[in-house]
Amino acid sequence: MEESISGFKINGAWDDVVEHGERITQALRQEDIEDAADEIRAAFEEWDEWRPKAHEQLNTDVNEKTADQASVAEGKGEKAGKAASDDVKKAGEKLSESYKRMENGDDEGAVENWQDSIGYVTRAADSVGRKAIRTVENTVYQNVMTQLSPYYFDNELVSANIKQQGRGDDDEQFVFEVNINDDELKTAVSERLGEYEDTIDRWHVTTEKETDIAEAAEGVEAPEPPSDDTQSTTN
């Protein structure tokens, strides 16, 4: 592993990339990141979801996750679970009520309902626009941008990028660089990574377990895997 002002970088095979991500994730956990403020904890969960896994492939799984993470965020209507058609219907109702109030001499009430109507129309347009943009983004990103630039991740907590060097099936090589955006936390993570280098002889990469067959045979759900990724042998 190389460490610089731009982050922690590893050059190697897919297992090396996965292990690098696991080590950084474990170091963050040991700094009690999961007990941090809601925004930071959510940022950690986003990183934990995006980081490459042993059972994944770069040009499919990481490609899709990168496109999702890079896309336009949900608007107020989408977050509220409201379809654009529902907002348009509501806008019509508010506009009709506005006319009735105006006919009854309630100018203040008419204006209030008219403003509400405009708000629903605006939210509907926002929802439709965002969905359209995300569709274009995903298509362009997955089919074009990943051919020209590394796969990347960026939020308040972590910035990372990964690119493939070798294209041969027998010699796929990758460069994976991860940066912690808070300087104090980055220093702490660096120290943790140094401890791992000194004390862990072999890091056992976490793999996805096939539990469907066992669950079907025994009629019970398999237990959740532990959140601690450290499955290693110490010196």
Protein backbone atom coordinates (compact mmCIF):
# COMPACT_ATOMS: atom_id res chain seq x y z
CA MET A 1 0.00 0.00 0.00
CA GLU A 2 1.14 3.50 -0.84
CA GLU A 3 0.08 6.46 1.29
CA SER A 4 0.08 10.06 0.09
CA ILE A 5 -1.81 13.29 0.51
CA SER A 6 -4.37 11.99 -2.00
CA GLY A 7 -5.10 8.82 -0.02
CA PHE A 8 -4.25 5.16 0.44
CA LYS A 9 -3.46 3.40 -2.84
CA ILE A 10 -3.07 -0.26 -3.72
CA ASN A 11 -1.96 -1.87 -6.99
CA GLY A 12 -2.84 -5.50 -7.46
CA ALA A 13 -5.36 -8.20 -8.28
CA TRP A 14 -9.06 -8.09 -7.41
CA ASP A 15 -8.49 -9.80 -4.05
CA ASP A 16 -5.99 -7.07 -3.18
CA VAL A 17 -8.55 -4.40 -4.06
CA VAL A 18 -11.24 -6.09 -1.93
CA GLU A 19 -8.85 -6.49 0.99
CA HIS A 20 -7.82 -2.83 0.77
CA GLY A 21 -11.45 -1.76 0.99
CA GLU A 22 -12.11 -4.11 3.89
CA ARG A 23 -9.10 -2.86 5.85
CA ILE A 24 -10.14 0.77 5.48
CA THR A 25 -13.72 -0.10 6.41
CA GLN A 26 -12.58 -1.97 9.51
CA ALA A 27 -10.28 0.90 10.49
CA LEU A 28 -13.22 3.30 10.27
CA ARG A 29 -15.34 0.96 12.41
CA GLN A 30 -12.63 0.85 15.04
CA GLU A 31 -12.76 4.64 15.15
CA ASP A 32 -16.44 4.30 16.18
CA ILE A 33 -17.69 5.74 12.90
CA GLU A 34 -20.98 3.88 13.32
CA ASP A 35 -21.64 5.89 16.48
CA ALA A 36 -21.01 9.23 14.77
CA ALA A 37 -23.61 11.81 13.71
CA ASP A 38 -26.36 10.63 11.39
CA GLU A 39 -24.83 12.23 8.29
CA ILE A 40 -21.44 10.62 8.86
CA ARG A 41 -22.95 7.24 9.71
CA ALA A 42 -25.03 7.38 6.53
CA ALA A 43 -21.91 8.31 4.54
CA PHE A 44 -20.09 5.30 6.02
CA GLU A 45 -22.97 3.00 5.05
CA GLU A 46 -22.86 4.37 1.49
CA TRP A 47 -19.14 3.65 1.32
CA ASP A 48 -19.58 0.17 2.81
CA GLU A 49 -22.19 -0.61 0.15
CA TRP A 50 -20.12 0.76 -2.75
CA ARG A 51 -16.70 -0.68 -1.93
CA PRO A 52 -15.74 -3.66 -4.15
CA LYS A 53 -16.67 -7.10 -2.81
CA ALA A 54 -15.07 -10.47 -3.51
CA HIS A 55 -18.09 -11.80 -5.42
CA GLU A 56 -18.44 -8.69 -7.61
CA GLN A 57 -17.01 -7.66 -10.97
CA LEU A 58 -15.74 -4.21 -11.85
CA ASN A 59 -17.50 -3.68 -15.17
CA THR A 60 -20.91 -4.85 -13.94
CA ASP A 61 -21.48 -4.58 -10.18
CA VAL A 62 -19.17 -1.64 -9.40
CA ASN A 63 -20.23 0.03 -12.64
CA GLU A 64 -23.89 -0.06 -11.62
CA LYS A 65 -23.23 1.07 -8.05
CA THR A 66 -21.09 3.96 -9.29
CA ALA A 67 -23.80 5.12 -11.69
CA ASP A 68 -26.37 4.99 -8.89
CA GLN A 69 -24.15 6.90 -6.48
CA ALA A 70 -23.32 9.56 -9.04
CA SER A 71 -26.88 10.22 -10.17
CA VAL A 72 -29.11 13.19 -9.33
CA ALA A 73 -30.59 12.95 -5.83
CA GLU A 74 -34.30 12.51 -5.21
CA GLY A 75 -36.43 15.66 -5.07
CA LYS A 76 -38.95 16.53 -2.38
CA GLY A 77 -41.81 14.81 -4.20
CA GLU A 78 -39.88 11.57 -4.68
CA LYS A 79 -38.72 11.56 -1.07
CA ALA A 80 -42.33 12.02 0.01
CA GLY A 81 -43.32 9.05 -2.13
CA LYS A 82 -45.56 11.16 -4.36
CA ALA A 83 -45.97 10.36 -8.04
CA ALA A 84 -45.94 13.28 -10.46
CA SER A 85 -49.50 12.40 -11.54
CA ASP A 86 -50.68 12.69 -7.92
CA ASP A 87 -49.14 16.15 -7.62
CA VAL A 88 -50.76 17.29 -10.89
CA LYS A 89 -54.16 16.07 -9.64
CA LYS A 90 -53.65 17.86 -6.34
CA ALA A 91 -52.65 21.03 -8.17
CA GLY A 92 -55.91 20.95 -10.14
CA GLU A 93 -57.92 20.56 -6.95
CA LYS A 94 -56.15 23.51 -5.33
CA LEU A 95 -56.66 25.64 -8.43
CA SER A 96 -60.39 24.82 -8.50
CA GLU A 97 -60.68 25.70 -4.84
CA SER A 98 -58.85 28.96 -5.51
CA TYR A 99 -61.47 29.98 -8.10
CA LYS A 100 -64.30 29.16 -5.69
CA ARG A 101 -62.77 31.26 -2.94
CA MET A 102 -62.26 34.15 -5.35
CA GLU A 103 -65.94 33.96 -6.41
CA ASN A 104 -66.93 34.08 -2.72
CA GLY A 105 -64.83 37.18 -2.14
CA ASP A 106 -62.11 35.36 -0.17
CA ASP A 107 -59.17 36.85 -2.04
CA GLU A 108 -56.65 35.86 0.62
CA GLY A 109 -57.81 32.24 0.58
CA ALA A 110 -57.82 32.25 -3.22
CA VAL A 111 -54.21 33.39 -3.36
CA GLU A 112 -53.18 30.81 -0.77
CA ASN A 113 -54.76 27.95 -2.77
CA TRP A 114 -53.29 29.31 -6.01
CA GLN A 115 -49.81 29.27 -4.42
CA ASP A 116 -50.38 25.70 -3.23
CA SER A 117 -51.40 24.75 -6.76
CA ILE A 118 -48.19 26.21 -8.18
CA GLY A 119 -46.20 24.31 -5.55
CA TYR A 120 -47.69 20.96 -6.57
CA VAL A 121 -47.11 21.66 -10.27
CA THR A 122 -43.50 22.61 -9.57
CA ARG A 123 -42.92 19.48 -7.50
CA ALA A 124 -44.43 17.28 -10.21
CA ALA A 125 -42.19 18.84 -12.86
CA ASP A 126 -39.18 18.43 -10.58
CA SER A 127 -39.92 14.71 -10.06
CA VAL A 128 -40.37 14.05 -13.78
CA GLY A 129 -37.24 16.02 -14.63
CA ARG A 130 -35.07 14.27 -12.08
CA LYS A 131 -36.19 10.83 -13.21
CA ALA A 132 -35.45 11.71 -16.83
CA ILE A 133 -32.02 13.04 -15.94
CA ARG A 134 -31.19 9.91 -13.93
CA THR A 135 -32.20 7.72 -16.86
CA VAL A 136 -29.85 9.61 -19.16
CA GLU A 137 -27.10 9.69 -16.55
CA ASN A 138 -27.20 5.94 -15.96
CA THR A 139 -27.19 5.18 -19.68
CA VAL A 140 -24.35 7.58 -20.45
CA TYR A 141 -22.30 6.67 -17.39
CA GLN A 142 -22.55 2.91 -17.66
CA ASN A 143 -21.95 2.80 -21.42
CA VAL A 144 -19.63 5.74 -22.05
CA MET A 145 -18.01 7.40 -19.06
CA THR A 146 -16.63 4.23 -17.48
CA GLN A 147 -14.75 3.59 -20.71
CA LEU A 148 -12.96 6.92 -20.32
CA SER A 149 -12.44 7.39 -16.59
CA PRO A 150 -12.06 5.38 -13.37
CA TYR A 151 -15.00 4.19 -11.34
CA TYR A 152 -15.34 6.61 -8.50
CA PHE A 153 -17.10 7.23 -5.19
CA ASP A 154 -17.39 10.48 -3.30
CA ASN A 155 -19.28 11.63 -0.23
CA GLU A 156 -18.64 13.59 2.95
CA LEU A 157 -16.59 10.81 4.50
CA VAL A 158 -14.73 8.97 1.73
CA SER A 159 -13.46 9.67 -1.78
CA ALA A 160 -12.28 6.72 -3.85
CA ASN A 161 -11.53 5.64 -7.39
CA ILE A 162 -10.65 2.34 -9.03
CA LYS A 163 -9.45 1.56 -12.52
CA GLN A 164 -8.36 -1.53 -14.36
CA GLN A 165 -4.87 -1.76 -15.83
CA GLY A 166 -4.50 -5.25 -17.29
CA ARG A 167 -7.28 -6.53 -19.55
CA GLY A 168 -6.28 -10.19 -19.75
CA ASP A 169 -8.42 -12.74 -17.90
CA ASP A 170 -5.38 -14.32 -16.30
CA ASP A 171 -3.68 -11.08 -15.32
CA GLU A 172 -6.26 -8.49 -14.34
CA GLN A 173 -4.59 -5.70 -12.39
CA PHE A 174 -6.27 -2.76 -10.70
CA VAL A 175 -5.37 0.53 -9.02
CA PHE A 176 -7.60 1.41 -6.07
CA GLU A 177 -7.14 4.68 -4.18
CA VAL A 178 -9.17 5.69 -1.12
CA ASN A 179 -9.03 8.99 0.73
CA ILE A 180 -10.62 9.91 4.08
CA ASN A 181 -11.88 13.46 3.77
CA ASP A 182 -11.43 14.45 7.41
CA ASP A 183 -7.72 14.98 8.15
CA GLU A 184 -7.92 13.93 11.80
CA LEU A 185 -9.85 10.76 10.96
CA LYS A 186 -7.49 10.04 8.08
CA THR A 187 -4.54 10.11 10.47
CA ALA A 188 -6.31 7.68 12.79
CA VAL A 189 -7.15 5.35 9.89
CA SER A 190 -3.53 5.50 8.73
CA GLU A 191 -2.39 4.37 12.16
CA ARG A 192 -4.90 1.52 12.14
CA LEU A 193 -3.73 0.38 8.72
CA GLY A 194 -0.15 0.43 9.97
CA GLU A 195 -1.17 -1.76 12.90
CA TYR A 196 -2.77 -4.24 10.52
CA GLU A 197 0.43 -4.39 8.48
CA ASP A 198 2.45 -5.12 11.61
CA THR A 199 0.17 -7.62 13.34
CA ILE A 200 -1.90 -9.42 10.70
CA ASP A 201 -0.07 -12.13 8.80
CA ARG A 202 -2.95 -12.99 6.47
CA TRP A 203 -6.19 -11.11 5.89
CA HIS A 204 -9.09 -13.42 5.05
CA VAL A 205 -11.24 -11.61 2.51
CA THR A 206 -14.94 -11.73 3.34
CA THR A 207 -16.94 -13.66 0.76
CA GLU A 208 -20.67 -13.79 0.14
CA LYS A 209 -22.13 -16.99 1.56
CA GLU A 210 -24.69 -19.05 -0.39
CA THR A 211 -27.46 -19.55 2.16
CA ASP A 212 -30.57 -20.05 -0.01
CA ILE A 213 -30.21 -23.83 -0.26
CA ALA A 214 -29.61 -24.27 3.47
CA GLU A 215 -32.55 -22.03 4.33
CA ALA A 216 -34.87 -23.95 2.02
CA ALA A 217 -33.78 -27.32 3.38
CA GLU A 218 -34.02 -26.41 7.04
CA GLY A 219 -36.91 -23.96 6.86
CA VAL A 220 -35.07 -21.25 8.78
CA GLU A 221 -33.23 -18.10 7.89
CA ALA A 222 -29.47 -18.12 8.08
CA PRO A 223 -27.98 -15.84 10.75
CA GLU A 224 -26.74 -12.42 9.67
CA PRO A 225 -22.98 -12.32 9.05
CA PRO A 226 -20.96 -10.32 11.59
CA SER A 227 -20.32 -6.68 10.74
CA ASP A 228 -16.66 -6.97 11.70
CA ASP A 229 -14.71 -7.70 8.52
CA THR A 230 -11.56 -8.66 10.37
CA GLN A 231 -11.11 -12.35 9.66
CA SER A 232 -7.39 -12.64 9.89
CA THR A 233 -4.43 -14.49 11.25
CA THR A 234 -2.03 -12.58 13.46
CA ASN A 235 1.69 -13.04 13.70
